[in-house]
C-alpha atoms as a PDB file:
ATOM      1  CA  MET A   1     -26.268  75.960-101.137  1.00  0.00           C
ATOM      2  CA  PHE A   2     -22.759  76.270-101.979  1.00  0.00           C
ATOM      3  CA  GLY A   3     -20.155  78.041-100.127  1.00  0.00           C
ATOM      4  CA  ALA A   4     -17.858  80.901-101.009  1.00  0.00           C
ATOM      5  CA  LEU A   5     -15.158  78.592-101.143  1.00  0.00           C
ATOM      6  CA  THR A   6     -16.980  76.246-103.663  1.00  0.00           C
ATOM      7  CA  ILE A   7     -17.855  79.521-105.859  1.00  0.00           C
ATOM      8  CA  LEU A   8     -14.391  80.967-105.885  1.00  0.00           C
ATOM      9  CA  SER A   9     -13.023  77.552-106.968  1.00  0.00           C
ATOM     10  CA  ALA A  10     -15.197  77.159-109.935  1.00  0.00           C
ATOM     11  CA  ILE A  11     -14.224  80.668-111.188  1.00  0.00           C
ATOM     12  CA  VAL A  12     -10.844  79.880-111.084  1.00  0.00           C
ATOM     13  CA  ALA A  13     -11.507  76.897-112.647  1.00  0.00           C
ATOM     14  CA  VAL A  14     -13.566  78.373-115.545  1.00  0.00           C
ATOM     15  CA  LEU A  15     -10.807  80.590-116.259  1.00  0.00           C
ATOM     16  CA  ALA A  16      -8.170  78.130-116.383  1.00  0.00           C
ATOM     17  CA  VAL A  17     -10.254  75.848-118.594  1.00  0.00           C
ATOM     18  CA  VAL A  18     -10.155  79.401-120.931  1.00  0.00           C
ATOM     19  CA  VAL A  19      -6.418  79.346-120.651  1.00  0.00           C
ATOM     20  CA  LEU A  20      -5.954  75.698-121.792  1.00  0.00           C
ATOM     21  CA  TRP A  21      -8.502  76.322-124.441  1.00  0.00           C
ATOM     22  CA  ASN A  22      -6.359  78.769-125.946  1.00  0.00           C
ATOM     23  CA  SER A  23      -3.298  76.770-125.705  1.00  0.00           C
ATOM     24  CA  ARG A  24      -5.255  73.542-127.302  1.00  0.00           C
ATOM     25  CA  LYS A  25      -3.146  73.801-130.653  1.00  0.00           C
ATOM     26  CA  ASP A  26      -0.043  73.107-128.349  1.00  0.00           C
ATOM     27  CA  LEU A  27      -0.045  69.871-126.219  1.00  0.00           C
ATOM     28  CA  ARG A  28       3.434  70.712-124.729  1.00  0.00           C
ATOM     29  CA  GLU A  29       2.296  74.143-123.576  1.00  0.00           C
ATOM     30  CA  ILE A  30      -0.909  72.153-122.012  1.00  0.00           C
ATOM     31  CA  SER A  31       1.610  69.771-120.479  1.00  0.00           C
ATOM     32  CA  LYS A  32       3.565  72.486-118.835  1.00  0.00           C
ATOM     33  CA  TYR A  33       0.589  74.380-117.442  1.00  0.00           C
ATOM     34  CA  CYS A  34      -1.137  71.004-115.794  1.00  0.00           C
ATOM     35  CA  THR A  35       2.397  70.244-114.388  1.00  0.00           C
ATOM     36  CA  ILE A  36       2.671  73.439-112.520  1.00  0.00           C
ATOM     37  CA  GLY A  37      -0.947  73.386-111.455  1.00  0.00           C
ATOM     38  CA  MET A  38      -0.716  69.724-110.039  1.00  0.00           C
ATOM     39  CA  ILE A  39       2.738  70.874-108.193  1.00  0.00           C
ATOM     40  CA  ILE A  40       0.862  73.677-106.538  1.00  0.00           C
ATOM     41  CA  ALA A  41      -2.301  71.297-106.077  1.00  0.00           C
ATOM     42  CA  ILE A  42      -0.175  68.537-104.286  1.00  0.00           C
ATOM     43  CA  LEU A  43       1.966  71.041-102.058  1.00  0.00           C
ATOM     44  CA  ASP A  44      -1.287  72.729-100.820  1.00  0.00           C
ATOM     45  CA  PHE A  45      -2.954  69.369-100.260  1.00  0.00           C
ATOM     46  CA  MET A  46       0.328  68.361 -98.076  1.00  0.00           C
ATOM     47  CA  MET A  47       0.091  71.562 -96.241  1.00  0.00           C
ATOM     48  CA  GLU A  48      -3.300  71.519 -95.653  1.00  0.00           C
ATOM     49  CA  PHE A  49      -3.701  67.698 -94.932  1.00  0.00           C
ATOM     50  CA  ILE A  50      -1.001  68.206 -92.077  1.00  0.00           C
ATOM     51  CA  GLY A  51      -2.400  71.413 -90.576  1.00  0.00           C
ATOM     52  CA  THR A  52      -5.944  70.094 -90.243  1.00  0.00           C
ATOM     53  CA  LYS A  53      -4.616  66.913 -88.787  1.00  0.00           C
ATOM     54  CA  LEU A  54      -2.756  68.439 -86.419  1.00  0.00           C
ATOM     55  CA  LEU A  55      -5.874  70.891 -85.674  1.00  0.00           C
ATOM     56  CA  GLY A  56      -4.275  73.776 -86.522  1.00  0.00           C
ATOM     57  CA  TRP A  57      -7.245  74.844 -88.335  1.00  0.00           C
ATOM     58  CA  GLN A  58     -10.482  73.416 -89.780  1.00  0.00           C
ATOM     59  CA  TYR A  59     -12.789  73.574 -92.676  1.00  0.00           C
ATOM     60  CA  ASN A  60     -16.359  73.576 -92.026  1.00  0.00           C
ATOM     61  CA  GLN A  61     -18.411  73.172 -95.322  1.00  0.00           C
ATOM     62  CA  SER A  62     -17.306  71.661 -98.418  1.00  0.00           C
ATOM     63  CA  ILE A  63     -19.030  69.485-101.013  1.00  0.00           C
ATOM     64  CA  TYR A  64     -16.554  66.892-100.416  1.00  0.00           C
ATOM     65  CA  LEU A  65     -13.593  67.020 -97.152  1.00  0.00           C
ATOM     66  CA  ILE A  66     -10.728  64.599 -98.571  1.00  0.00           C
ATOM     67  CA  GLY A  67      -9.988  62.551 -95.481  1.00  0.00           C
ATOM     68  CA  ARG A  68     -12.406  64.169 -93.752  1.00  0.00           C
ATOM     69  CA  LEU A  69     -10.213  67.300 -93.567  1.00  0.00           C
ATOM     70  CA  VAL A  70      -9.446  69.369 -96.678  1.00  0.00           C
ATOM     71  CA  PRO A  71     -12.360  70.419 -98.840  1.00  0.00           C
ATOM     72  CA  ILE A  72     -11.947  69.115-102.576  1.00  0.00           C
ATOM     73  CA  GLU A  73     -12.348  72.719-103.765  1.00  0.00           C
ATOM     74  CA  LEU A  74      -8.761  73.446-102.451  1.00  0.00           C
ATOM     75  CA  VAL A  75      -7.666  70.966-104.682  1.00  0.00           C
ATOM     76  CA  VAL A  76      -9.088  72.600-107.815  1.00  0.00           C
ATOM     77  CA  PHE A  77      -8.551  75.779-106.737  1.00  0.00           C
ATOM     78  CA  PHE A  78      -4.695  75.515-106.614  1.00  0.00           C
ATOM     79  CA  PHE A  79      -4.617  73.332-109.746  1.00  0.00           C
ATOM     80  CA  ALA A  80      -6.390  75.962-111.555  1.00  0.00           C
ATOM     81  CA  GLY A  81      -4.763  78.675-109.797  1.00  0.00           C
ATOM     82  CA  GLY A  82      -1.320  77.463-110.845  1.00  0.00           C
ATOM     83  CA  ILE A  83      -2.332  77.599-114.360  1.00  0.00           C
ATOM     84  CA  LEU A  84      -3.385  80.931-114.148  1.00  0.00           C
ATOM     85  CA  LEU A  85      -0.450  81.864-112.202  1.00  0.00           C
ATOM     86  CA  ARG A  86       1.994  80.580-114.753  1.00  0.00           C
ATOM     87  CA  PHE A  87      -0.300  82.307-117.821  1.00  0.00           C
ATOM     88  CA  VAL A  88       0.421  85.562-116.084  1.00  0.00           C
ATOM     89  CA  PHE A  89       3.965  85.048-115.387  1.00  0.00           C
ATOM     90  CA  ILE A  90       4.373  84.333-119.133  1.00  0.00           C
ATOM     91  CA  LYS A  91       2.437  87.621-120.022  1.00  0.00           C
ATOM     92  CA  VAL A  92       4.235  90.012-117.572  1.00  0.00           C
ATOM     93  CA  ARG A  93       7.669  88.548-119.179  1.00  0.00           C
ATOM     94  CA  THR A  94       7.093  90.198-122.364  1.00  0.00           C
ATOM     95  CA  LEU A  95       6.473  93.673-120.907  1.00  0.00           C
ATOM     96  CA  LYS A  96       9.359  95.718-121.997  1.00  0.00           C
ATOM     97  CA  SER A  97       9.630  98.299-118.894  1.00  0.00           C
ATOM     98  CA  PRO A  98      10.895  96.236-116.164  1.00  0.00           C
ATOM     99  CA  PRO A  99       8.827  97.591-112.989  1.00  0.00           C
ATOM    100  CA  LYS A 100      10.689  99.930-110.153  1.00  0.00           C
ATOM    101  CA  LEU A 101      11.174  97.022-107.524  1.00  0.00           C
ATOM    102  CA  ASN A 102      13.034  99.295-105.014  1.00  0.00           C
ATOM    103  CA  LEU A 103      10.031 101.762-104.809  1.00  0.00           C
ATOM    104  CA  LEU A 104       7.498  98.825-104.803  1.00  0.00           C
ATOM    105  CA  LEU A 105       9.701  97.139-101.701  1.00  0.00           C
ATOM    106  CA  TYR A 106      10.258 100.662-100.189  1.00  0.00           C
ATOM    107  CA  SER A 107       6.127 100.583-100.102  1.00  0.00           C
ATOM    108  CA  VAL A 108       5.975  96.999 -98.738  1.00  0.00           C
ATOM    109  CA  MET A 109       8.306  97.901 -95.602  1.00  0.00           C
ATOM    110  CA  LEU A 110       6.400 100.842 -94.935  1.00  0.00           C
ATOM    111  CA  PHE A 111       3.270  99.110 -95.186  1.00  0.00           C
ATOM    112  CA  GLY A 112       4.545  96.453 -93.104  1.00  0.00           C
ATOM    113  CA  VAL A 113       5.855  98.832 -89.986  1.00  0.00           C
ATOM    114  CA  ILE A 114       2.475 100.372 -90.238  1.00  0.00           C
ATOM    115  CA  ILE A 115       0.734  96.863 -89.538  1.00  0.00           C
ATOM    116  CA  TYR A 116       3.452  95.896 -87.185  1.00  0.00           C
ATOM    117  CA  VAL A 117       2.992  99.076 -84.892  1.00  0.00           C
ATOM    118  CA  ARG A 118      -1.216  98.580 -85.135  1.00  0.00           C
ATOM    119  CA  ASP A 119      -1.202  95.195 -83.749  1.00  0.00           C
ATOM    120  CA  LEU A 120       1.436  96.610 -81.090  1.00  0.00           C
ATOM    121  CA  TRP A 121      -0.734  99.121 -80.346  1.00  0.00           C
ATOM    122  CA  LEU A 122      -4.085  97.368 -80.681  1.00  0.00           C
ATOM    123  CA  ASN A 123      -2.102  94.560 -78.097  1.00  0.00           C
ATOM    124  CA  LYS A 124      -2.403  91.962 -81.223  1.00  0.00           C
ATOM    125  CA  GLU A 125      -0.018  89.423 -81.854  1.00  0.00           C
ATOM    126  CA  ALA A 126       3.018  91.203 -83.938  1.00  0.00           C
ATOM    127  CA  SER A 127       5.614  89.855 -86.216  1.00  0.00           C
ATOM    128  CA  MET A 128       8.552  91.534 -87.513  1.00  0.00           C
ATOM    129  CA  LEU A 129       8.575  89.686 -90.744  1.00  0.00           C
ATOM    130  CA  THR A 130       5.860  91.982 -91.799  1.00  0.00           C
ATOM    131  CA  PHE A 131       9.049  94.434 -92.246  1.00  0.00           C
ATOM    132  CA  SER A 132      11.625  92.371 -92.200  1.00  0.00           C
ATOM    133  CA  ALA A 133      10.876  90.184 -95.331  1.00  0.00           C
ATOM    134  CA  PRO A 134      10.446  92.688 -97.711  1.00  0.00           C
ATOM    135  CA  PHE A 135      13.407  94.349 -96.213  1.00  0.00           C
ATOM    136  CA  GLY A 136      15.643  91.064 -96.854  1.00  0.00           C
ATOM    137  CA  LEU A 137      14.150  91.034-100.215  1.00  0.00           C
ATOM    138  CA  TRP A 138      15.341  94.869-101.026  1.00  0.00           C
ATOM    139  CA  GLY A 139      18.690  93.650 -99.569  1.00  0.00           C
ATOM    140  CA  MET A 140      19.005  90.869-101.866  1.00  0.00           C
ATOM    141  CA  LEU A 141      18.178  92.987-104.757  1.00  0.00           C
ATOM    142  CA  ASN A 142      21.156  95.865-103.893  1.00  0.00           C
ATOM    143  CA  ILE A 143      23.574  93.173-103.542  1.00  0.00           C
ATOM    144  CA  ARG A 144      26.207  92.582-106.077  1.00  0.00           C
ATOM    145  CA  GLU A 145      25.585  89.348-108.066  1.00  0.00           C
ATOM    146  CA  HIS A 146      28.979  87.970-107.220  1.00  0.00           C
ATOM    147  CA  ASN A 147      28.372  88.717-103.394  1.00  0.00           C
ATOM    148  CA  ARG A 148      24.798  87.049-102.938  1.00  0.00           C
ATOM    149  CA  GLY A 149      26.174  83.934-102.533  1.00  0.00           C
ATOM    150  CA  TRP A 150      27.932  84.678 -99.272  1.00  0.00           C
ATOM    151  CA  ALA A 151      25.736  87.198 -98.157  1.00  0.00           C
ATOM    152  CA  THR A 152      22.826  84.452 -98.256  1.00  0.00           C
ATOM    153  CA  ILE A 153      25.407  82.171 -96.186  1.00  0.00           C
ATOM    154  CA  LEU A 154      25.907  84.709 -93.906  1.00  0.00           C
ATOM    155  CA  ALA A 155      22.506  85.657 -93.411  1.00  0.00           C
ATOM    156  CA  ILE A 156      21.379  81.822 -92.835  1.00  0.00           C
ATOM    157  CA  ALA A 157      23.893  81.426 -90.382  1.00  0.00           C
ATOM    158  CA  ILE A 158      22.802  84.370 -88.432  1.00  0.00           C
ATOM    159  CA  ALA A 159      19.295  82.983 -88.193  1.00  0.00           C
ATOM    160  CA  CYS A 160      20.588  79.404 -87.254  1.00  0.00           C
ATOM    161  CA  ILE A 161      22.814  81.336 -84.189  1.00  0.00           C
ATOM    162  CA  ASP A 162      19.902  82.866 -83.207  1.00  0.00           C
ATOM    163  CA  PHE A 163      17.913  80.096 -83.065  1.00  0.00           C
ATOM    164  CA  VAL A 164      20.159  77.855 -81.012  1.00  0.00           C
ATOM    165  CA  VAL A 165      21.011  81.217 -78.683  1.00  0.00           C
ATOM    166  CA  GLU A 166      17.287  82.091 -77.915  1.00  0.00           C
ATOM    167  CA  THR A 167      16.522  78.600 -77.533  1.00  0.00           C
ATOM    168  CA  PHE A 168      18.767  78.212 -74.771  1.00  0.00           C
ATOM    169  CA  PHE A 169      18.100  81.629 -73.262  1.00  0.00           C
ATOM    170  CA  VAL A 170      14.534  81.312 -73.146  1.00  0.00           C
ATOM    171  CA  GLN A 171      14.212  77.428 -72.461  1.00  0.00           C
ATOM    172  CA  HIS A 172      17.006  76.914 -70.065  1.00  0.00           C
ATOM    173  CA  VAL A 173      18.295  80.428 -68.517  1.00  0.00           C
ATOM    174  CA  GLY A 174      14.828  82.042 -68.736  1.00  0.00           C
ATOM    175  CA  ASN A 175      16.834  85.776 -68.563  1.00  0.00           C
ATOM    176  CA  TYR A 176      13.481  86.475 -70.977  1.00  0.00           C
ATOM    177  CA  GLY A 177      10.922  85.184 -72.747  1.00  0.00           C
ATOM    178  CA  TYR A 178       8.189  85.877 -75.367  1.00  0.00           C
ATOM    179  CA  ARG A 179       4.590  86.506 -74.715  1.00  0.00           C
ATOM    180  CA  THR A 180       3.437  83.703 -77.180  1.00  0.00           C
ATOM    181  CA  GLY A 181       6.616  81.649 -76.823  1.00  0.00           C
ATOM    182  CA  PHE A 182       9.893  81.421 -78.916  1.00  0.00           C
ATOM    183  CA  SER A 183       9.213  80.614 -82.720  1.00  0.00           C
ATOM    184  CA  ILE A 184      11.552  80.113 -85.194  1.00  0.00           C
ATOM    185  CA  LEU A 185      10.013  82.970 -87.022  1.00  0.00           C
ATOM    186  CA  THR A 186      11.985  85.358 -84.696  1.00  0.00           C
ATOM    187  CA  SER A 187      15.174  83.540 -86.242  1.00  0.00           C
ATOM    188  CA  PHE A 188      13.956  83.930 -90.024  1.00  0.00           C
ATOM    189  CA  THR A 189      13.206  87.570 -88.830  1.00  0.00           C
ATOM    190  CA  TYR A 190      16.761  88.417 -88.083  1.00  0.00           C
ATOM    191  CA  GLY A 191      17.955  86.548 -91.149  1.00  0.00           C
ATOM    192  CA  PHE A 192      15.774  88.742 -93.597  1.00  0.00           C
ATOM    193  CA  ILE A 193      17.073  91.975 -91.377  1.00  0.00           C
ATOM    194  CA  ALA A 194      20.750  90.547 -91.858  1.00  0.00           C
ATOM    195  CA  LEU A 195      20.317  90.403 -95.903  1.00  0.00           C
ATOM    196  CA  GLY A 196      18.493  94.090 -95.648  1.00  0.00           C
ATOM    197  CA  LEU A 197      21.672  95.337 -93.742  1.00  0.00           C
ATOM    198  CA  PHE A 198      24.182  93.417 -96.371  1.00  0.00           C
ATOM    199  CA  GLY A 199      21.965  95.409 -99.103  1.00  0.00           C
ATOM    200  CA  LEU A 200      22.375  98.710 -97.059  1.00  0.00           C
ATOM    201  CA  MET A 201      26.294  97.696 -96.934  1.00  0.00           C
ATOM    202  CA  GLU A 202      26.390  97.521-100.680  1.00  0.00           C
ATOM    203  CA  LYS A 203      24.362 100.716-101.221  1.00  0.00           C
ATOM    204  CA  ILE A 204      26.971 102.723 -98.925  1.00  0.00           C
ATOM    205  CA  ASP A 205      29.585 101.593-100.653  1.00  0.00           C
ATOM    206  CA  ALA A 206      28.341 102.495-104.166  1.00  0.00           C
ATOM    207  CA  MET A 207      27.714 105.967-102.913  1.00  0.00           C
ATOM    208  CA  LYS A 208      31.444 106.335-101.762  1.00  0.00           C
ATOM    209  CA  LYS A 209      33.093 105.470-105.016  1.00  0.00           C
END
């Protein structure tokens, strides 16, 4: 009996074959599709292999486990998924009306805050990345193009400083600590928040002019 992963991979593979079949007259286009699929499949396989090898997670059902760790279905799924991803991206590029990204990111941020508060309420492990990441993306969109380089550098510097400072205080001074231990994701969170704040600063400056 086939598992859910096997069935899902088969469906995605069939859709990818349809895409390639429609491009059969253009070998260069097919090679581009396959290149993207191969890159995504290799990257995922590396992460899956390392994660399962280090016992971060495990797979219990597959028609064949590569190295007794990674289901071959995942390779098929991400290769075919890369083909479909390129196909969708090509199609959306032809749309004349651009999406309202600010509204979209506001919605994602609100959803992230709700998830964060819910996890805290249920005493689960909560990550501020659920709303800080979209906040950072919103900030990047609203920073003027010629300021984005320095804003990104400052955000990375803030993340690095936070990592060094928090590592020192948590591990050596012991003035405070995290319930699940300090994670570099906390530093990424501050980096994203910094980007969002830079975007907010740009918004405020534009309103005053």
